[in-house]
Amino acid sequence: MTLQQLKYAVAVAESQNITEASKRVFISQPSLTAAIRELEKEIGIEIFSRTNKGVSVTNEGDEFLSYARQVLEQFALLEEHYKGTSEIKPVFSVSCQHYSFAVEAFVDVIKKFGGDEYDFTLRETATHEIIEDVAHMKSEVGVLFKSQRNEDVISKLLKKNNLNFAPLFTTNLHVFISSKNPLAKKEKITLEDLKPFPYLTYEQGDFNSFYFSEEPLSPIDFDCTKNIKVRDRATLFNLLIGLDGYTICSGVISHELNGSEIISRELLVDDKMTVGIVTRSGVMMSRYANAYVESIKKIAIEKNYC
């Protein structure tokens, strides 16, 4: 296995077409095909499945390519340190719960490392999919929370998938509401205050149990009779404004990205949540992942949640 073979495999994965990839790496199509087949034979897996429409990455190939990109990333660091240049395009992916601070940190990483070419991915998705993405190395890092209520289930699932959870910050529970909500005048809000308003939660698909919820309190916990499930953050924010709804969360919000219409208020309950980063055990984080983690910590500190 050579460094050049790894570059070839990554180029094919990004192009999803042997012809296009051969142009990118400046070799003939037959030579590239032969190099990929030789690599697959050496490592004993099929990295790509071939069809009339091109190539697609197999599940085993996904994992292999994640390791390959890490090797190429380390090689790029060597090139930059000793030669001052690098030919490797930055690649980084994150899967996270619907946190605006996670998006803000992602923006920070792109501003720091993006340059003229990069291939970055941000997935705001369901909790179970975050774990699946990192376990199968579709994402280098995941961002989710643990609380006293879900910790046992989440920890067991992470251990089963050979994943680590590193805390980023711990905070009291808060609610997001519209700045025009009648509760906006209060500095702190009780569960009794929330009863007249609809509770907005993120739908979790086939894993729609409390343990995979993005909200640390379920409607059952405080006798909530108005509950709306949504799939994306934009819809949730629109309903916060349009219906005077609320959601229960960490309270860390990016006004730079989301404007000033959504505000945070502390919820008067005896409970906390810990937001952390999920990574695969035994895998060294890239400089992009390290910068991402530091950015989230900085955002939390600036908003007085650390």
C-alpha atoms as a PDB file:
ATOM      1  CA  MET A   1       0.000   0.000   0.000  1.00  0.00           C
ATOM      2  CA  THR A   2       1.448   3.354  -1.020  1.00  0.00           C
ATOM      3  CA  LEU A   3       0.615   6.985  -0.363  1.00  0.00           C
ATOM      4  CA  GLN A   4      -0.110   7.405  -4.061  1.00  0.00           C
ATOM      5  CA  GLN A   5      -2.675   4.594  -3.967  1.00  0.00           C
ATOM      6  CA  LEU A   6      -4.438   6.326  -1.075  1.00  0.00           C
ATOM      7  CA  LYS A   7      -4.551   9.556  -3.091  1.00  0.00           C
ATOM      8  CA  TYR A   8      -6.021   7.642  -6.026  1.00  0.00           C
ATOM      9  CA  ALA A   9      -8.712   6.034  -3.868  1.00  0.00           C
ATOM     10  CA  VAL A  10      -9.741   9.349  -2.316  1.00  0.00           C
ATOM     11  CA  ALA A  11      -9.861  10.998  -5.758  1.00  0.00           C
ATOM     12  CA  VAL A  12     -12.168   8.256  -7.081  1.00  0.00           C
ATOM     13  CA  ALA A  13     -14.416   8.556  -4.016  1.00  0.00           C
ATOM     14  CA  GLU A  14     -14.720  12.318  -4.438  1.00  0.00           C
ATOM     15  CA  SER A  15     -15.322  12.162  -8.202  1.00  0.00           C
ATOM     16  CA  GLN A  16     -17.480   8.996  -8.156  1.00  0.00           C
ATOM     17  CA  ASN A  17     -16.186   8.527 -11.672  1.00  0.00           C
ATOM     18  CA  ILE A  18     -12.975   6.834 -12.796  1.00  0.00           C
ATOM     19  CA  THR A  19     -12.572   9.061 -15.860  1.00  0.00           C
ATOM     20  CA  GLU A  20     -12.904  12.287 -13.873  1.00  0.00           C
ATOM     21  CA  ALA A  21     -10.629  10.970 -11.140  1.00  0.00           C
ATOM     22  CA  SER A  22      -7.931  10.007 -13.662  1.00  0.00           C
ATOM     23  CA  LYS A  23      -7.883  13.599 -14.925  1.00  0.00           C
ATOM     24  CA  ARG A  24      -7.493  14.905 -11.376  1.00  0.00           C
ATOM     25  CA  VAL A  25      -4.520  12.670 -10.570  1.00  0.00           C
ATOM     26  CA  PHE A  26      -2.955  12.925 -14.042  1.00  0.00           C
ATOM     27  CA  ILE A  27      -2.812   9.243 -15.003  1.00  0.00           C
ATOM     28  CA  SER A  28      -4.679   7.198 -17.604  1.00  0.00           C
ATOM     29  CA  GLN A  29      -8.017   5.629 -16.766  1.00  0.00           C
ATOM     30  CA  PRO A  30      -6.718   2.032 -17.209  1.00  0.00           C
ATOM     31  CA  SER A  31      -3.752   2.772 -14.912  1.00  0.00           C
ATOM     32  CA  LEU A  32      -6.007   4.241 -12.240  1.00  0.00           C
ATOM     33  CA  THR A  33      -8.392   1.284 -12.446  1.00  0.00           C
ATOM     34  CA  ALA A  34      -5.482  -1.136 -12.140  1.00  0.00           C
ATOM     35  CA  ALA A  35      -4.052   0.751  -9.129  1.00  0.00           C
ATOM     36  CA  ILE A  36      -7.410   0.664  -7.313  1.00  0.00           C
ATOM     37  CA  ARG A  37      -7.897  -3.048  -8.022  1.00  0.00           C
ATOM     38  CA  GLU A  38      -4.367  -3.774  -6.783  1.00  0.00           C
ATOM     39  CA  LEU A  39      -5.080  -1.809  -3.588  1.00  0.00           C
ATOM     40  CA  GLU A  40      -8.384  -3.655  -3.019  1.00  0.00           C
ATOM     41  CA  LYS A  41      -6.639  -6.991  -3.539  1.00  0.00           C
ATOM     42  CA  GLU A  42      -3.887  -6.071  -1.088  1.00  0.00           C
ATOM     43  CA  ILE A  43      -6.203  -4.980   1.735  1.00  0.00           C
ATOM     44  CA  GLY A  44      -8.793  -7.676   1.062  1.00  0.00           C
ATOM     45  CA  ILE A  45     -11.915  -5.513   0.713  1.00  0.00           C
ATOM     46  CA  GLU A  46     -13.912  -3.942  -2.084  1.00  0.00           C
ATOM     47  CA  ILE A  47     -13.611  -0.166  -1.705  1.00  0.00           C
ATOM     48  CA  PHE A  48     -15.878   0.670  -4.645  1.00  0.00           C
ATOM     49  CA  SER A  49     -18.802  -0.977  -6.346  1.00  0.00           C
ATOM     50  CA  ARG A  50     -18.858  -0.448 -10.113  1.00  0.00           C
ATOM     51  CA  THR A  51     -21.993   0.294 -12.140  1.00  0.00           C
ATOM     52  CA  ASN A  52     -22.767   1.643 -15.609  1.00  0.00           C
ATOM     53  CA  LYS A  53     -23.326   5.056 -13.993  1.00  0.00           C
ATOM     54  CA  GLY A  54     -19.951   5.169 -12.280  1.00  0.00           C
ATOM     55  CA  VAL A  55     -18.636   4.001  -8.915  1.00  0.00           C
ATOM     56  CA  SER A  56     -19.954   4.213  -5.369  1.00  0.00           C
ATOM     57  CA  VAL A  57     -18.213   3.638  -2.065  1.00  0.00           C
ATOM     58  CA  THR A  58     -19.039   0.429  -0.191  1.00  0.00           C
ATOM     59  CA  ASN A  59     -19.583   0.348   3.590  1.00  0.00           C
ATOM     60  CA  GLU A  60     -16.134  -1.211   4.049  1.00  0.00           C
ATOM     61  CA  GLY A  61     -14.746   1.386   1.661  1.00  0.00           C
ATOM     62  CA  ASP A  62     -16.209   4.209   3.756  1.00  0.00           C
ATOM     63  CA  GLU A  63     -14.209   3.086   6.771  1.00  0.00           C
ATOM     64  CA  PHE A  64     -11.030   2.518   4.766  1.00  0.00           C
ATOM     65  CA  LEU A  65     -11.265   5.937   3.120  1.00  0.00           C
ATOM     66  CA  SER A  66     -11.675   7.617   6.500  1.00  0.00           C
ATOM     67  CA  TYR A  67      -8.380   6.118   7.621  1.00  0.00           C
ATOM     68  CA  ALA A  68      -6.807   6.961   4.263  1.00  0.00           C
ATOM     69  CA  ARG A  69      -7.800  10.617   4.616  1.00  0.00           C
ATOM     70  CA  GLN A  70      -6.224  10.724   8.072  1.00  0.00           C
ATOM     71  CA  VAL A  71      -2.948   9.409   6.669  1.00  0.00           C
ATOM     72  CA  LEU A  72      -3.061  11.970   3.867  1.00  0.00           C
ATOM     73  CA  GLU A  73      -3.877  14.702   6.377  1.00  0.00           C
ATOM     74  CA  GLN A  74      -0.781  13.832   8.414  1.00  0.00           C
ATOM     75  CA  PHE A  75       1.277  13.807   5.226  1.00  0.00           C
ATOM     76  CA  ALA A  76      -0.117  17.246   4.342  1.00  0.00           C
ATOM     77  CA  LEU A  77       1.015  18.550   7.732  1.00  0.00           C
ATOM     78  CA  LEU A  78       4.533  17.290   7.025  1.00  0.00           C
ATOM     79  CA  GLU A  79       4.522  18.971   3.612  1.00  0.00           C
ATOM     80  CA  GLU A  80       3.323  22.268   5.040  1.00  0.00           C
ATOM     81  CA  HIS A  81       5.868  22.181   7.855  1.00  0.00           C
ATOM     82  CA  TYR A  82       8.914  21.383   5.733  1.00  0.00           C
ATOM     83  CA  LYS A  83       7.952  22.627   2.264  1.00  0.00           C
ATOM     84  CA  GLY A  84       5.415  25.339   3.076  1.00  0.00           C
ATOM     85  CA  THR A  85       2.860  23.863   0.653  1.00  0.00           C
ATOM     86  CA  SER A  86       0.401  20.966   0.462  1.00  0.00           C
ATOM     87  CA  GLU A  87      -1.479  19.364  -2.433  1.00  0.00           C
ATOM     88  CA  ILE A  88      -4.053  17.666  -0.184  1.00  0.00           C
ATOM     89  CA  LYS A  89      -7.563  19.159  -0.231  1.00  0.00           C
ATOM     90  CA  PRO A  90      -8.918  19.581   3.362  1.00  0.00           C
ATOM     91  CA  VAL A  91     -11.654  17.045   4.183  1.00  0.00           C
ATOM     92  CA  PHE A  92     -13.714  17.189   7.388  1.00  0.00           C
ATOM     93  CA  SER A  93     -17.191  16.041   8.408  1.00  0.00           C
ATOM     94  CA  VAL A  94     -19.392  16.547  11.483  1.00  0.00           C
ATOM     95  CA  SER A  95     -22.696  14.980  12.528  1.00  0.00           C
ATOM     96  CA  CYS A  96     -24.516  16.856  15.272  1.00  0.00           C
ATOM     97  CA  GLN A  97     -27.786  17.468  17.000  1.00  0.00           C
ATOM     98  CA  HIS A  98     -29.533  20.674  15.981  1.00  0.00           C
ATOM     99  CA  TYR A  99     -27.220  23.166  17.702  1.00  0.00           C
ATOM    100  CA  SER A 100     -26.559  26.596  16.249  1.00  0.00           C
ATOM    101  CA  PHE A 101     -23.244  26.758  18.121  1.00  0.00           C
ATOM    102  CA  ALA A 102     -22.176  23.586  16.290  1.00  0.00           C
ATOM    103  CA  VAL A 103     -22.824  25.394  13.002  1.00  0.00           C
ATOM    104  CA  GLU A 104     -20.968  28.495  14.196  1.00  0.00           C
ATOM    105  CA  ALA A 105     -17.936  26.371  15.109  1.00  0.00           C
ATOM    106  CA  PHE A 106     -18.102  24.694  11.681  1.00  0.00           C
ATOM    107  CA  VAL A 107     -17.988  28.134  10.058  1.00  0.00           C
ATOM    108  CA  ASP A 108     -14.928  28.982  12.157  1.00  0.00           C
ATOM    109  CA  VAL A 109     -13.100  25.873  10.904  1.00  0.00           C
ATOM    110  CA  ILE A 110     -13.837  26.693   7.263  1.00  0.00           C
ATOM    111  CA  LYS A 111     -12.638  30.267   7.739  1.00  0.00           C
ATOM    112  CA  LYS A 112      -9.427  28.972   9.296  1.00  0.00           C
ATOM    113  CA  PHE A 113      -8.610  26.102   6.939  1.00  0.00           C
ATOM    114  CA  GLY A 114     -10.846  26.378   3.869  1.00  0.00           C
ATOM    115  CA  GLY A 115      -8.535  28.073   1.392  1.00  0.00           C
ATOM    116  CA  ASP A 116      -9.257  27.710  -2.330  1.00  0.00           C
ATOM    117  CA  GLU A 117     -10.377  24.073  -2.159  1.00  0.00           C
ATOM    118  CA  TYR A 118     -12.008  21.979   0.561  1.00  0.00           C
ATOM    119  CA  ASP A 119     -14.565  19.232   1.062  1.00  0.00           C
ATOM    120  CA  PHE A 120     -16.411  19.739   4.357  1.00  0.00           C
ATOM    121  CA  THR A 121     -19.706  18.177   5.467  1.00  0.00           C
ATOM    122  CA  LEU A 122     -22.095  19.178   8.259  1.00  0.00           C
ATOM    123  CA  ARG A 123     -25.023  16.886   9.084  1.00  0.00           C
ATOM    124  CA  GLU A 124     -27.667  18.087  11.533  1.00  0.00           C
ATOM    125  CA  THR A 125     -29.430  14.805  12.154  1.00  0.00           C
ATOM    126  CA  ALA A 126     -31.096  12.417  14.606  1.00  0.00           C
ATOM    127  CA  THR A 127     -29.178  11.191  17.647  1.00  0.00           C
ATOM    128  CA  HIS A 128     -28.931   7.567  16.542  1.00  0.00           C
ATOM    129  CA  GLU A 129     -27.650   8.638  13.109  1.00  0.00           C
ATOM    130  CA  ILE A 130     -24.895  10.698  14.748  1.00  0.00           C
ATOM    131  CA  ILE A 131     -23.644   7.586  16.501  1.00  0.00           C
ATOM    132  CA  GLU A 132     -23.946   5.544  13.285  1.00  0.00           C
ATOM    133  CA  ASP A 133     -22.095   8.195  11.251  1.00  0.00           C
ATOM    134  CA  VAL A 134     -19.112   8.311  13.601  1.00  0.00           C
ATOM    135  CA  ALA A 135     -19.087   4.530  14.112  1.00  0.00           C
ATOM    136  CA  HIS A 136     -18.910   3.997  10.340  1.00  0.00           C
ATOM    137  CA  MET A 137     -16.550   6.972   9.941  1.00  0.00           C
ATOM    138  CA  LYS A 138     -18.878   8.925   7.680  1.00  0.00           C
ATOM    139  CA  SER A 139     -18.189  11.750  10.116  1.00  0.00           C
ATOM    140  CA  GLU A 140     -14.994  12.323  12.046  1.00  0.00           C
ATOM    141  CA  VAL A 141     -16.824  13.768  15.038  1.00  0.00           C
ATOM    142  CA  GLY A 142     -20.335  13.883  16.436  1.00  0.00           C
ATOM    143  CA  VAL A 143     -21.913  16.383  18.832  1.00  0.00           C
ATOM    144  CA  LEU A 144     -24.673  15.325  21.247  1.00  0.00           C
ATOM    145  CA  PHE A 145     -25.639  15.640  24.888  1.00  0.00           C
ATOM    146  CA  LYS A 146     -25.849  13.409  27.912  1.00  0.00           C
ATOM    147  CA  SER A 147     -27.973  13.922  30.999  1.00  0.00           C
ATOM    148  CA  GLN A 148     -28.766  11.932  34.098  1.00  0.00           C
ATOM    149  CA  ARG A 149     -31.795  10.492  32.305  1.00  0.00           C
ATOM    150  CA  ASN A 150     -30.214   9.267  29.078  1.00  0.00           C
ATOM    151  CA  GLU A 151     -26.610   8.657  30.160  1.00  0.00           C
ATOM    152  CA  ASP A 152     -26.856   4.890  30.734  1.00  0.00           C
ATOM    153  CA  VAL A 153     -28.431   4.154  27.342  1.00  0.00           C
ATOM    154  CA  ILE A 154     -26.206   6.542  25.342  1.00  0.00           C
ATOM    155  CA  SER A 155     -23.040   5.360  27.111  1.00  0.00           C
ATOM    156  CA  LYS A 156     -23.829   1.703  26.418  1.00  0.00           C
ATOM    157  CA  LEU A 157     -24.518   2.449  22.762  1.00  0.00           C
ATOM    158  CA  LEU A 158     -21.268   4.402  22.413  1.00  0.00           C
ATOM    159  CA  LYS A 159     -19.295   1.595  24.041  1.00  0.00           C
ATOM    160  CA  LYS A 160     -20.940  -0.989  21.775  1.00  0.00           C
ATOM    161  CA  ASN A 161     -19.820   1.025  18.734  1.00  0.00           C
ATOM    162  CA  ASN A 162     -16.266   1.584  20.045  1.00  0.00           C
ATOM    163  CA  LEU A 163     -16.841   5.333  20.470  1.00  0.00           C
ATOM    164  CA  ASN A 164     -15.653   7.865  23.053  1.00  0.00           C
ATOM    165  CA  PHE A 165     -17.568  10.791  24.564  1.00  0.00           C
ATOM    166  CA  ALA A 166     -15.536  13.835  25.649  1.00  0.00           C
ATOM    167  CA  PRO A 167     -17.490  16.535  27.539  1.00  0.00           C
ATOM    168  CA  LEU A 168     -17.325  20.064  26.120  1.00  0.00           C
ATOM    169  CA  PHE A 169     -19.457  21.939  28.634  1.00  0.00           C
ATOM    170  CA  THR A 170     -22.185  21.347  31.237  1.00  0.00           C
ATOM    171  CA  THR A 171     -25.074  23.752  31.686  1.00  0.00           C
ATOM    172  CA  ASN A 172     -28.410  24.181  33.425  1.00  0.00           C
ATOM    173  CA  LEU A 173     -31.462  23.570  31.270  1.00  0.00           C
ATOM    174  CA  HIS A 174     -32.822  26.503  29.263  1.00  0.00           C
ATOM    175  CA  VAL A 175     -35.673  27.235  26.892  1.00  0.00           C
ATOM    176  CA  PHE A 176     -35.569  28.895  23.498  1.00  0.00           C
ATOM    177  CA  ILE A 177     -38.513  31.204  22.864  1.00  0.00           C
ATOM    178  CA  SER A 178     -39.366  34.098  20.585  1.00  0.00           C
ATOM    179  CA  SER A 179     -38.446  37.562  21.784  1.00  0.00           C
ATOM    180  CA  LYS A 180     -42.166  38.342  21.350  1.00  0.00           C
ATOM    181  CA  ASN A 181     -43.306  35.429  23.522  1.00  0.00           C
ATOM    182  CA  PRO A 182     -45.218  36.571  26.667  1.00  0.00           C
ATOM    183  CA  LEU A 183     -42.566  34.771  28.733  1.00  0.00           C
ATOM    184  CA  ALA A 184     -39.729  36.822  27.226  1.00  0.00           C
ATOM    185  CA  LYS A 185     -40.000  39.383  30.045  1.00  0.00           C
ATOM    186  CA  LYS A 186     -39.069  36.743  32.626  1.00  0.00           C
ATOM    187  CA  GLU A 187     -35.405  36.128  33.462  1.00  0.00           C
ATOM    188  CA  LYS A 188     -36.161  32.556  34.552  1.00  0.00           C
ATOM    189  CA  ILE A 189     -39.043  30.297  33.552  1.00  0.00           C
ATOM    190  CA  THR A 190     -40.824  27.463  35.361  1.00  0.00           C
ATOM    191  CA  LEU A 191     -42.457  24.372  33.903  1.00  0.00           C
ATOM    192  CA  GLU A 192     -45.794  25.767  35.051  1.00  0.00           C
ATOM    193  CA  ASP A 193     -45.148  28.902  32.972  1.00  0.00           C
ATOM    194  CA  LEU A 194     -44.734  26.737  29.857  1.00  0.00           C
ATOM    195  CA  LYS A 195     -48.034  24.834  30.073  1.00  0.00           C
ATOM    196  CA  PRO A 196     -50.102  27.157  27.809  1.00  0.00           C
ATOM    197  CA  PHE A 197     -47.541  26.990  24.993  1.00  0.00           C
ATOM    198  CA  PRO A 198     -46.635  24.256  22.462  1.00  0.00           C
ATOM    199  CA  TYR A 199     -43.473  22.245  23.119  1.00  0.00           C
ATOM    200  CA  LEU A 200     -41.347  21.840  19.967  1.00  0.00           C
ATOM    201  CA  THR A 201     -39.157  18.732  19.761  1.00  0.00           C
ATOM    202  CA  TYR A 202     -37.013  17.088  17.107  1.00  0.00           C
ATOM    203  CA  GLU A 203     -38.416  13.934  15.537  1.00  0.00           C
ATOM    204  CA  GLN A 204     -36.056  10.952  15.807  1.00  0.00           C
ATOM    205  CA  GLY A 205     -37.422   8.601  13.141  1.00  0.00           C
ATOM    206  CA  ASP A 206     -37.365   4.913  14.031  1.00  0.00           C
ATOM    207  CA  PHE A 207     -35.558   5.736  17.286  1.00  0.00           C
ATOM    208  CA  ASN A 208     -38.162   8.136  18.654  1.00  0.00           C
ATOM    209  CA  SER A 209     -37.740   7.140  22.315  1.00  0.00           C
ATOM    210  CA  PHE A 210     -36.903   9.511  25.139  1.00  0.00           C
ATOM    211  CA  TYR A 211     -33.326   8.221  25.354  1.00  0.00           C
ATOM    212  CA  PHE A 212     -32.560   9.481  21.830  1.00  0.00           C
ATOM    213  CA  SER A 213     -34.407  12.765  22.254  1.00  0.00           C
ATOM    214  CA  GLU A 214     -32.534  16.035  21.697  1.00  0.00           C
ATOM    215  CA  GLU A 215     -34.499  17.565  24.554  1.00  0.00           C
ATOM    216  CA  PRO A 216     -33.523  16.679  28.148  1.00  0.00           C
ATOM    217  CA  LEU A 217     -37.171  16.636  29.309  1.00  0.00           C
ATOM    218  CA  SER A 218     -39.973  14.702  27.634  1.00  0.00           C
ATOM    219  CA  PRO A 219     -43.579  15.990  27.451  1.00  0.00           C
ATOM    220  CA  ILE A 220     -44.533  13.302  29.976  1.00  0.00           C
ATOM    221  CA  ASP A 221     -42.114  14.720  32.564  1.00  0.00           C
ATOM    222  CA  PHE A 222     -44.168  17.857  33.102  1.00  0.00           C
ATOM    223  CA  ASP A 223     -47.631  16.969  31.820  1.00  0.00           C
ATOM    224  CA  CYS A 224     -47.230  18.791  28.501  1.00  0.00           C
ATOM    225  CA  THR A 225     -50.388  18.569  26.371  1.00  0.00           C
ATOM    226  CA  LYS A 226     -49.204  20.519  23.303  1.00  0.00           C
ATOM    227  CA  ASN A 227     -46.326  18.873  21.455  1.00  0.00           C
ATOM    228  CA  ILE A 228     -45.095  19.440  17.887  1.00  0.00           C
ATOM    229  CA  LYS A 229     -42.329  17.332  16.327  1.00  0.00           C
ATOM    230  CA  VAL A 230     -40.144  18.812  13.581  1.00  0.00           C
ATOM    231  CA  ARG A 231     -37.195  17.631  11.487  1.00  0.00           C
ATOM    232  CA  ASP A 232     -35.071  20.764  11.061  1.00  0.00           C
ATOM    233  CA  ARG A 233     -33.949  23.784  13.048  1.00  0.00           C
ATOM    234  CA  ALA A 234     -35.344  26.390  10.630  1.00  0.00           C
ATOM    235  CA  THR A 235     -38.853  24.960  11.013  1.00  0.00           C
ATOM    236  CA  LEU A 236     -38.495  24.839  14.779  1.00  0.00           C
ATOM    237  CA  PHE A 237     -37.387  28.475  14.935  1.00  0.00           C
ATOM    238  CA  ASN A 238     -40.260  29.532  12.655  1.00  0.00           C
ATOM    239  CA  LEU A 239     -42.737  27.798  14.970  1.00  0.00           C
ATOM    240  CA  LEU A 240     -41.136  29.373  18.026  1.00  0.00           C
ATOM    241  CA  ILE A 241     -42.016  32.714  16.465  1.00  0.00           C
ATOM    242  CA  GLY A 242     -45.313  31.870  14.757  1.00  0.00           C
ATOM    243  CA  LEU A 243     -46.917  29.870  17.572  1.00  0.00           C
ATOM    244  CA  ASP A 244     -45.154  31.258  20.646  1.00  0.00           C
ATOM    245  CA  GLY A 245     -43.690  27.796  21.076  1.00  0.00           C
ATOM    246  CA  TYR A 246     -40.633  26.761  23.057  1.00  0.00           C
ATOM    247  CA  THR A 247     -38.020  24.039  23.173  1.00  0.00           C
ATOM    248  CA  ILE A 248     -35.817  22.861  26.038  1.00  0.00           C
ATOM    249  CA  CYS A 249     -32.094  23.011  25.342  1.00  0.00           C
ATOM    250  CA  SER A 250     -28.616  24.062  26.452  1.00  0.00           C
ATOM    251  CA  GLY A 251     -29.346  27.746  25.936  1.00  0.00           C
ATOM    252  CA  VAL A 252     -26.222  28.331  23.820  1.00  0.00           C
ATOM    253  CA  ILE A 253     -27.330  30.102  20.645  1.00  0.00           C
ATOM    254  CA  SER A 254     -25.544  31.977  17.890  1.00  0.00           C
ATOM    255  CA  HIS A 255     -27.246  35.319  17.297  1.00  0.00           C
ATOM    256  CA  GLU A 256     -24.727  35.978  14.537  1.00  0.00           C
ATOM    257  CA  LEU A 257     -26.249  33.119  12.529  1.00  0.00           C
ATOM    258  CA  ASN A 258     -29.826  33.095  13.825  1.00  0.00           C
ATOM    259  CA  GLY A 259     -30.622  36.735  14.478  1.00  0.00           C
ATOM    260  CA  SER A 260     -32.075  38.243  17.634  1.00  0.00           C
ATOM    261  CA  GLU A 261     -35.668  36.957  17.427  1.00  0.00           C
ATOM    262  CA  ILE A 262     -34.842  33.745  19.287  1.00  0.00           C
ATOM    263  CA  ILE A 263     -33.769  34.194  22.902  1.00  0.00           C
ATOM    264  CA  SER A 264     -32.732  31.914  25.748  1.00  0.00           C
ATOM    265  CA  ARG A 265     -34.101  31.802  29.289  1.00  0.00           C
ATOM    266  CA  GLU A 266     -33.003  29.547  32.149  1.00  0.00           C
ATOM    267  CA  LEU A 267     -35.492  26.854  33.144  1.00  0.00           C
ATOM    268  CA  LEU A 268     -36.031  26.480  36.887  1.00  0.00           C
ATOM    269  CA  VAL A 269     -35.548  22.732  37.270  1.00  0.00           C
ATOM    270  CA  ASP A 270     -32.993  20.700  39.178  1.00  0.00           C
ATOM    271  CA  ASP A 271     -31.312  19.196  36.134  1.00  0.00           C
ATOM    272  CA  LYS A 272     -28.301  19.715  33.870  1.00  0.00           C
ATOM    273  CA  MET A 273     -27.062  18.566  30.478  1.00  0.00           C
ATOM    274  CA  THR A 274     -23.536  17.918  29.242  1.00  0.00           C
ATOM    275  CA  VAL A 275     -22.751  18.555  25.595  1.00  0.00           C
ATOM    276  CA  GLY A 276     -19.838  16.526  24.308  1.00  0.00           C
ATOM    277  CA  ILE A 277     -17.997  15.317  21.265  1.00  0.00           C
ATOM    278  CA  VAL A 278     -18.149  11.734  20.010  1.00  0.00           C
ATOM    279  CA  THR A 279     -15.117  10.213  18.297  1.00  0.00           C
ATOM    280  CA  ARG A 280     -14.016   6.742  17.290  1.00  0.00           C
ATOM    281  CA  SER A 281     -11.732   5.034  19.827  1.00  0.00           C
ATOM    282  CA  GLY A 282      -8.099   4.727  18.786  1.00  0.00           C
ATOM    283  CA  VAL A 283      -8.380   7.291  15.985  1.00  0.00           C
ATOM    284  CA  MET A 284      -6.347  10.487  16.250  1.00  0.00           C
ATOM    285  CA  MET A 285      -8.364  13.631  15.559  1.00  0.00           C
ATOM    286  CA  SER A 286      -7.364  15.801  12.615  1.00  0.00           C
ATOM    287  CA  ARG A 287      -6.382  19.428  13.022  1.00  0.00           C
ATOM    288  CA  TYR A 288      -9.839  20.347  11.720  1.00  0.00           C
ATOM    289  CA  ALA A 289     -11.538  18.313  14.436  1.00  0.00           C
ATOM    290  CA  ASN A 290      -9.296  19.792  17.122  1.00  0.00           C
ATOM    291  CA  ALA A 291     -10.015  23.313  15.866  1.00  0.00           C
ATOM    292  CA  TYR A 292     -13.739  22.498  15.815  1.00  0.00           C
ATOM    293  CA  VAL A 293     -13.686  21.354  19.445  1.00  0.00           C
ATOM    294  CA  GLU A 294     -11.776  24.434  20.555  1.00  0.00           C
ATOM    295  CA  SER A 295     -14.222  26.681  18.712  1.00  0.00           C
ATOM    296  CA  ILE A 296     -17.240  25.128  20.485  1.00  0.00           C
ATOM    297  CA  LYS A 297     -15.532  25.569  23.848  1.00  0.00           C
ATOM    298  CA  LYS A 298     -14.759  29.193  23.017  1.00  0.00           C
ATOM    299  CA  ILE A 299     -18.358  29.866  21.968  1.00  0.00           C
ATOM    300  CA  ALA A 300     -19.678  28.324  25.189  1.00  0.00           C
ATOM    301  CA  ILE A 301     -17.262  30.385  27.299  1.00  0.00           C
ATOM    302  CA  GLU A 302     -18.171  33.619  25.502  1.00  0.00           C
ATOM    303  CA  LYS A 303     -21.835  32.939  26.230  1.00  0.00           C
ATOM    304  CA  ASN A 304     -21.025  32.212  29.884  1.00  0.00           C
ATOM    305  CA  TYR A 305     -21.944  28.524  29.809  1.00  0.00           C
ATOM    306  CA  CYS A 306     -18.513  27.202  30.819  1.00  0.00           C
END
